[in-house]
Amino acid sequence: MASITTNGVVLEVPYAIIRNVRNARPWTLSVTGRDPRTFAYNQKQLRSFPATIGQESPGIFVYTGDVITVSLLAPANAVDAAIFDLYTVNFATGAETKAAEVGFNAVWQKQVTVTLNTISASSGAITFTTAWA
């Protein structure tokens, strides 16, 4: 599939976007997997992100096969503690839609891992699996 250019940045289609990372608790976020940027990985094959991700930022672009891992410094103390939103993009219209609010589903969890299984090239619909620890 062809790539598209947005604001001078070439994006591979299809992709999804991580937005609205919650800053209520200290966290680390890593994305491992396939990334079209040649030098985006460090030695451990992790993408590098700024220390803080502003809520006004364009988000973090993720692709099919990527694994998103968020770890907390201290365990979550709520059964519905959200950590970030996952958005889909309809590539025909350019519309972005919140697909899921990812977070913790039990007290005392410290890590959530999301694996992007598929992203539809036409509608942008995503399928993913979530694991908690």
N, C-alpha and C. Protein backbone atom coordinates (compact mmCIF):
# COMPACT_ATOMS: atom_id res chain seq x y z
N MET A 1 0.84 -1.17 0.00
CA MET A 1 0.00 0.00 0.00
C MET A 1 0.88 1.23 0.00
N ALA A 2 0.44 2.24 -0.66
CA ALA A 2 1.21 3.48 -0.77
C ALA A 2 1.21 4.23 0.55
N SER A 3 2.18 5.10 0.69
CA SER A 3 2.22 5.94 1.88
C SER A 3 1.62 7.29 1.55
N ILE A 4 1.32 8.06 2.60
CA ILE A 4 0.77 9.40 2.42
C ILE A 4 1.68 10.40 3.13
N THR A 5 1.56 11.66 2.77
CA THR A 5 2.37 12.70 3.39
C THR A 5 1.46 13.67 4.13
N THR A 6 1.75 13.91 5.41
CA THR A 6 1.00 14.85 6.22
C THR A 6 1.98 15.79 6.89
N ASN A 7 1.82 17.08 6.68
CA ASN A 7 2.70 18.10 7.27
C ASN A 7 4.17 17.80 6.97
N GLY A 8 4.44 17.28 5.78
CA GLY A 8 5.81 16.99 5.40
C GLY A 8 6.35 15.68 5.91
N VAL A 9 5.55 14.92 6.68
CA VAL A 9 5.98 13.65 7.22
C VAL A 9 5.32 12.53 6.42
N VAL A 10 6.12 11.58 5.96
CA VAL A 10 5.58 10.46 5.22
C VAL A 10 5.09 9.41 6.20
N LEU A 11 3.82 9.08 6.11
CA LEU A 11 3.21 8.08 6.99
C LEU A 11 2.83 6.86 6.16
N GLU A 12 3.14 5.71 6.67
CA GLU A 12 2.74 4.49 6.00
C GLU A 12 1.29 4.20 6.36
N VAL A 13 0.51 3.84 5.38
CA VAL A 13 -0.89 3.50 5.61
C VAL A 13 -0.98 1.99 5.67
N PRO A 14 -1.72 1.39 6.53
CA PRO A 14 -2.58 2.00 7.55
C PRO A 14 -1.84 2.19 8.87
N TYR A 15 -2.35 3.09 9.68
CA TYR A 15 -1.79 3.34 11.00
C TYR A 15 -2.92 3.70 11.97
N ALA A 16 -2.60 3.63 13.25
CA ALA A 16 -3.49 4.08 14.31
C ALA A 16 -2.70 5.09 15.13
N ILE A 17 -3.38 5.77 16.04
CA ILE A 17 -2.72 6.84 16.80
C ILE A 17 -2.99 6.66 18.29
N ILE A 18 -1.93 6.78 19.09
CA ILE A 18 -2.07 6.82 20.55
C ILE A 18 -2.20 8.28 20.93
N ARG A 19 -3.25 8.61 21.67
CA ARG A 19 -3.48 10.00 22.10
C ARG A 19 -3.90 10.02 23.57
N ASN A 20 -3.88 11.19 24.13
CA ASN A 20 -4.39 11.46 25.48
C ASN A 20 -3.77 10.53 26.53
N VAL A 21 -2.45 10.47 26.55
CA VAL A 21 -1.77 9.68 27.57
C VAL A 21 -2.02 10.34 28.92
N ARG A 22 -2.54 9.57 29.86
CA ARG A 22 -2.87 10.11 31.19
C ARG A 22 -1.60 10.27 32.02
N ASN A 23 -1.48 11.37 32.69
CA ASN A 23 -0.29 11.66 33.49
C ASN A 23 -0.58 11.63 34.99
N ALA A 24 -1.63 10.94 35.41
CA ALA A 24 -1.98 10.88 36.83
C ALA A 24 -0.96 10.07 37.62
N ARG A 25 -0.30 9.12 36.97
CA ARG A 25 0.68 8.28 37.63
C ARG A 25 1.97 8.29 36.81
N PRO A 26 3.13 8.13 37.44
CA PRO A 26 4.38 8.03 36.68
C PRO A 26 4.37 6.76 35.82
N TRP A 27 4.78 6.90 34.54
CA TRP A 27 4.70 5.77 33.62
C TRP A 27 5.86 5.78 32.65
N THR A 28 6.06 4.64 31.99
CA THR A 28 6.94 4.53 30.83
C THR A 28 6.12 3.92 29.72
N LEU A 29 6.38 4.33 28.48
CA LEU A 29 5.65 3.82 27.34
C LEU A 29 6.67 3.40 26.29
N SER A 30 6.50 2.19 25.77
CA SER A 30 7.38 1.73 24.69
C SER A 30 6.53 1.12 23.59
N VAL A 31 7.01 1.24 22.37
CA VAL A 31 6.37 0.62 21.22
C VAL A 31 7.44 -0.16 20.50
N THR A 32 7.26 -1.45 20.38
CA THR A 32 8.19 -2.27 19.63
C THR A 32 7.48 -2.82 18.41
N GLY A 33 8.21 -3.07 17.37
CA GLY A 33 7.61 -3.62 16.17
C GLY A 33 8.13 -2.96 14.92
N ARG A 34 7.28 -2.86 13.94
CA ARG A 34 7.66 -2.36 12.63
C ARG A 34 7.40 -0.86 12.53
N ASP A 35 8.39 -0.13 12.09
CA ASP A 35 8.27 1.31 11.95
C ASP A 35 8.95 1.71 10.65
N PRO A 36 8.28 2.48 9.77
CA PRO A 36 8.89 2.81 8.49
C PRO A 36 10.06 3.79 8.58
N ARG A 37 10.29 4.38 9.74
CA ARG A 37 11.41 5.31 9.88
C ARG A 37 12.70 4.51 10.08
N THR A 38 13.69 4.74 9.26
CA THR A 38 14.89 3.92 9.26
C THR A 38 15.64 3.97 10.58
N PHE A 39 15.81 5.12 11.17
CA PHE A 39 16.63 5.24 12.36
C PHE A 39 15.81 5.53 13.62
N ALA A 40 14.60 5.01 13.70
CA ALA A 40 13.73 5.32 14.82
C ALA A 40 14.00 4.46 16.04
N TYR A 41 14.71 3.36 15.88
CA TYR A 41 14.90 2.43 16.99
C TYR A 41 16.21 2.69 17.73
N ASN A 42 16.22 2.33 19.00
CA ASN A 42 17.48 2.33 19.74
C ASN A 42 18.03 0.90 19.72
N GLN A 43 19.05 0.63 20.51
CA GLN A 43 19.68 -0.69 20.49
C GLN A 43 18.72 -1.82 20.85
N LYS A 44 17.73 -1.54 21.65
CA LYS A 44 16.80 -2.57 22.08
C LYS A 44 15.57 -2.64 21.19
N GLN A 45 15.63 -2.02 20.03
CA GLN A 45 14.53 -1.99 19.07
C GLN A 45 13.30 -1.29 19.61
N LEU A 46 13.51 -0.29 20.46
CA LEU A 46 12.42 0.52 20.99
C LEU A 46 12.42 1.87 20.31
N ARG A 47 11.27 2.42 20.07
CA ARG A 47 11.19 3.78 19.54
C ARG A 47 11.50 4.76 20.66
N SER A 48 12.06 5.87 20.31
CA SER A 48 12.39 6.90 21.29
C SER A 48 11.30 7.96 21.31
N PHE A 49 10.86 8.32 22.50
CA PHE A 49 9.84 9.34 22.67
C PHE A 49 10.35 10.41 23.62
N PRO A 50 9.79 11.59 23.56
CA PRO A 50 10.19 12.62 24.52
C PRO A 50 9.78 12.23 25.94
N ALA A 51 10.42 12.85 26.92
CA ALA A 51 10.14 12.53 28.32
C ALA A 51 8.68 12.79 28.68
N THR A 52 8.11 13.81 28.10
CA THR A 52 6.69 14.08 28.33
C THR A 52 5.99 14.20 26.99
N ILE A 53 4.80 13.69 26.91
CA ILE A 53 4.01 13.78 25.68
C ILE A 53 2.86 14.72 25.97
N GLY A 54 2.93 15.90 25.39
CA GLY A 54 1.90 16.90 25.63
C GLY A 54 0.56 16.47 25.06
N GLN A 55 -0.51 16.88 25.72
CA GLN A 55 -1.84 16.52 25.26
C GLN A 55 -2.16 17.16 23.91
N GLU A 56 -1.45 18.21 23.55
CA GLU A 56 -1.69 18.87 22.27
C GLU A 56 -0.85 18.24 21.15
N SER A 57 -0.02 17.24 21.46
CA SER A 57 0.84 16.62 20.46
C SER A 57 0.00 15.86 19.43
N PRO A 58 0.58 15.60 18.26
CA PRO A 58 -0.17 14.87 17.23
C PRO A 58 -0.36 13.40 17.57
N GLY A 59 0.22 12.93 18.62
CA GLY A 59 0.06 11.54 19.01
C GLY A 59 1.23 10.69 18.57
N ILE A 60 1.14 9.41 18.87
CA ILE A 60 2.17 8.44 18.51
C ILE A 60 1.57 7.52 17.47
N PHE A 61 2.18 7.45 16.31
CA PHE A 61 1.66 6.63 15.23
C PHE A 61 2.13 5.19 15.41
N VAL A 62 1.20 4.24 15.33
CA VAL A 62 1.51 2.83 15.49
C VAL A 62 0.95 2.06 14.29
N TYR A 63 1.56 0.92 14.03
CA TYR A 63 1.26 0.16 12.83
C TYR A 63 0.92 -1.29 13.17
N THR A 64 0.39 -2.03 12.21
CA THR A 64 0.08 -3.44 12.40
C THR A 64 1.32 -4.18 12.87
N GLY A 65 1.16 -5.00 13.89
CA GLY A 65 2.26 -5.77 14.43
C GLY A 65 2.99 -5.09 15.57
N ASP A 66 2.71 -3.82 15.82
CA ASP A 66 3.36 -3.12 16.93
C ASP A 66 2.82 -3.62 18.27
N VAL A 67 3.70 -3.59 19.27
CA VAL A 67 3.31 -3.94 20.64
C VAL A 67 3.54 -2.71 21.50
N ILE A 68 2.46 -2.21 22.11
CA ILE A 68 2.50 -1.02 22.96
C ILE A 68 2.52 -1.50 24.41
N THR A 69 3.52 -1.08 25.16
CA THR A 69 3.62 -1.47 26.56
C THR A 69 3.69 -0.24 27.43
N VAL A 70 2.80 -0.15 28.40
CA VAL A 70 2.82 0.94 29.38
C VAL A 70 3.03 0.32 30.74
N SER A 71 4.05 0.79 31.44
CA SER A 71 4.35 0.30 32.78
C SER A 71 4.24 1.46 33.76
N LEU A 72 3.66 1.18 34.91
CA LEU A 72 3.53 2.18 35.97
C LEU A 72 4.62 1.98 37.00
N LEU A 73 5.05 3.07 37.62
CA LEU A 73 6.03 2.98 38.69
C LEU A 73 5.42 2.29 39.91
N ALA A 74 4.18 2.64 40.22
CA ALA A 74 3.45 2.03 41.33
C ALA A 74 2.17 1.43 40.76
N PRO A 75 1.64 0.38 41.35
CA PRO A 75 0.44 -0.28 40.80
C PRO A 75 -0.77 0.65 40.75
N ALA A 76 -1.66 0.35 39.82
CA ALA A 76 -2.92 1.08 39.71
C ALA A 76 -3.77 0.78 40.94
N ASN A 77 -4.52 1.76 41.39
CA ASN A 77 -5.36 1.56 42.57
C ASN A 77 -6.85 1.65 42.24
N ALA A 78 -7.18 1.45 40.97
CA ALA A 78 -8.58 1.49 40.55
C ALA A 78 -8.80 0.44 39.46
N VAL A 79 -10.01 -0.07 39.37
CA VAL A 79 -10.30 -1.11 38.39
C VAL A 79 -10.57 -0.54 37.00
N ASP A 80 -10.66 0.76 36.88
CA ASP A 80 -10.95 1.38 35.59
C ASP A 80 -10.00 2.54 35.29
N ALA A 81 -8.73 2.36 35.64
CA ALA A 81 -7.74 3.43 35.46
C ALA A 81 -7.28 3.46 34.00
N ALA A 82 -7.74 4.46 33.25
CA ALA A 82 -7.34 4.60 31.85
C ALA A 82 -5.92 5.12 31.76
N ILE A 83 -5.18 4.69 30.72
CA ILE A 83 -3.81 5.16 30.54
C ILE A 83 -3.62 5.90 29.22
N PHE A 84 -4.33 5.49 28.14
CA PHE A 84 -4.27 6.23 26.88
C PHE A 84 -5.47 5.87 26.01
N ASP A 85 -5.70 6.67 24.97
CA ASP A 85 -6.76 6.41 23.99
C ASP A 85 -6.12 5.94 22.69
N LEU A 86 -6.78 5.02 22.03
CA LEU A 86 -6.32 4.51 20.74
C LEU A 86 -7.31 4.96 19.68
N TYR A 87 -6.82 5.69 18.69
CA TYR A 87 -7.66 6.26 17.63
C TYR A 87 -7.45 5.54 16.31
N THR A 88 -8.54 5.36 15.56
CA THR A 88 -8.46 4.84 14.20
C THR A 88 -8.55 6.01 13.23
N VAL A 89 -8.07 5.79 12.01
CA VAL A 89 -8.13 6.81 10.97
C VAL A 89 -8.80 6.21 9.75
N ASN A 90 -9.88 6.83 9.28
CA ASN A 90 -10.52 6.41 8.03
C ASN A 90 -9.75 7.09 6.91
N PHE A 91 -9.06 6.29 6.11
CA PHE A 91 -8.15 6.86 5.12
C PHE A 91 -8.87 7.42 3.91
N ALA A 92 -10.15 7.09 3.73
CA ALA A 92 -10.93 7.66 2.64
C ALA A 92 -11.35 9.09 2.97
N THR A 93 -11.74 9.32 4.24
CA THR A 93 -12.24 10.64 4.63
C THR A 93 -11.25 11.43 5.49
N GLY A 94 -10.29 10.74 6.09
CA GLY A 94 -9.35 11.40 6.99
C GLY A 94 -9.88 11.57 8.40
N ALA A 95 -11.10 11.08 8.65
CA ALA A 95 -11.71 11.23 9.97
C ALA A 95 -11.04 10.32 11.00
N GLU A 96 -10.81 10.87 12.18
CA GLU A 96 -10.24 10.10 13.28
C GLU A 96 -11.34 9.79 14.27
N THR A 97 -11.33 8.54 14.78
CA THR A 97 -12.35 8.09 15.71
C THR A 97 -11.68 7.37 16.87
N LYS A 98 -12.14 7.70 18.09
CA LYS A 98 -11.61 7.00 19.27
C LYS A 98 -12.12 5.56 19.25
N ALA A 99 -11.19 4.62 19.14
CA ALA A 99 -11.56 3.20 19.06
C ALA A 99 -11.61 2.56 20.43
N ALA A 100 -10.72 2.96 21.32
CA ALA A 100 -10.68 2.32 22.64
C ALA A 100 -9.98 3.23 23.64
N GLU A 101 -10.38 3.09 24.87
CA GLU A 101 -9.70 3.72 25.99
C GLU A 101 -8.98 2.58 26.70
N VAL A 102 -7.66 2.55 26.60
CA VAL A 102 -6.88 1.45 27.15
C VAL A 102 -6.47 1.79 28.57
N GLY A 103 -6.58 0.81 29.44
CA GLY A 103 -6.20 1.03 30.83
C GLY A 103 -6.15 -0.25 31.60
N PHE A 104 -6.22 -0.13 32.89
CA PHE A 104 -6.11 -1.28 33.79
C PHE A 104 -7.50 -1.74 34.19
N ASN A 105 -7.68 -3.05 34.31
CA ASN A 105 -9.00 -3.59 34.63
C ASN A 105 -9.06 -4.24 36.00
N ALA A 106 -8.01 -4.13 36.79
CA ALA A 106 -8.00 -4.67 38.14
C ALA A 106 -7.04 -3.85 39.00
N VAL A 107 -7.27 -3.87 40.28
CA VAL A 107 -6.40 -3.16 41.22
C VAL A 107 -5.07 -3.88 41.31
N TRP A 108 -4.00 -3.15 41.50
CA TRP A 108 -2.64 -3.63 41.69
C TRP A 108 -1.94 -4.09 40.42
N GLN A 109 -2.49 -3.78 39.27
CA GLN A 109 -1.77 -4.06 38.03
C GLN A 109 -0.75 -2.96 37.78
N LYS A 110 0.37 -3.33 37.17
CA LYS A 110 1.43 -2.35 36.89
C LYS A 110 1.74 -2.22 35.41
N GLN A 111 1.22 -3.13 34.58
CA GLN A 111 1.58 -3.08 33.18
C GLN A 111 0.42 -3.51 32.29
N VAL A 112 0.27 -2.80 31.18
CA VAL A 112 -0.71 -3.17 30.16
C VAL A 112 0.03 -3.24 28.83
N THR A 113 -0.23 -4.32 28.08
CA THR A 113 0.41 -4.53 26.78
C THR A 113 -0.67 -4.70 25.73
N VAL A 114 -0.59 -3.89 24.67
CA VAL A 114 -1.56 -3.94 23.57
C VAL A 114 -0.81 -4.36 22.32
N THR A 115 -1.29 -5.42 21.67
CA THR A 115 -0.71 -5.88 20.41
C THR A 115 -1.69 -5.57 19.29
N LEU A 116 -1.25 -4.79 18.31
CA LEU A 116 -2.11 -4.44 17.17
C LEU A 116 -2.07 -5.59 16.16
N ASN A 117 -3.18 -6.31 16.05
CA ASN A 117 -3.23 -7.47 15.17
C ASN A 117 -3.45 -7.06 13.71
N THR A 118 -4.46 -6.23 13.46
CA THR A 118 -4.74 -5.78 12.10
C THR A 118 -5.25 -4.35 12.12
N ILE A 119 -4.99 -3.65 11.02
CA ILE A 119 -5.55 -2.32 10.78
C ILE A 119 -6.06 -2.34 9.34
N SER A 120 -7.33 -2.08 9.16
CA SER A 120 -7.93 -2.09 7.82
C SER A 120 -7.40 -0.92 7.00
N ALA A 121 -6.92 -1.22 5.80
CA ALA A 121 -6.38 -0.17 4.94
C ALA A 121 -7.47 0.73 4.37
N SER A 122 -8.71 0.26 4.33
CA SER A 122 -9.77 1.09 3.78
C SER A 122 -10.50 1.89 4.85
N SER A 123 -10.94 1.22 5.92
CA SER A 123 -11.73 1.90 6.94
C SER A 123 -10.91 2.35 8.14
N GLY A 124 -9.74 1.76 8.33
CA GLY A 124 -8.91 2.10 9.50
C GLY A 124 -9.28 1.31 10.73
N ALA A 125 -10.29 0.44 10.64
CA ALA A 125 -10.71 -0.35 11.80
C ALA A 125 -9.55 -1.20 12.31
N ILE A 126 -9.44 -1.30 13.63
CA ILE A 126 -8.32 -2.04 14.20
C ILE A 126 -8.83 -3.23 15.03
N THR A 127 -8.00 -4.26 15.09
CA THR A 127 -8.22 -5.35 16.03
C THR A 127 -6.95 -5.45 16.85
N PHE A 128 -7.11 -5.63 18.13
CA PHE A 128 -5.95 -5.71 19.01
C PHE A 128 -6.26 -6.60 20.20
N THR A 129 -5.21 -7.08 20.83
CA THR A 129 -5.35 -7.87 22.04
C THR A 129 -4.65 -7.13 23.17
N THR A 130 -5.21 -7.27 24.36
CA THR A 130 -4.67 -6.58 25.53
C THR A 130 -4.32 -7.59 26.60
N ALA A 131 -3.18 -7.41 27.22
CA ALA A 131 -2.74 -8.27 28.33
C ALA A 131 -2.35 -7.37 29.50
N TRP A 132 -2.68 -7.82 30.70
CA TRP A 132 -2.37 -7.05 31.91
C TRP A 132 -1.48 -7.85 32.83
N ALA A 133 -0.63 -7.15 33.57
CA ALA A 133 0.22 -7.82 34.55
C ALA A 133 0.37 -6.93 35.77
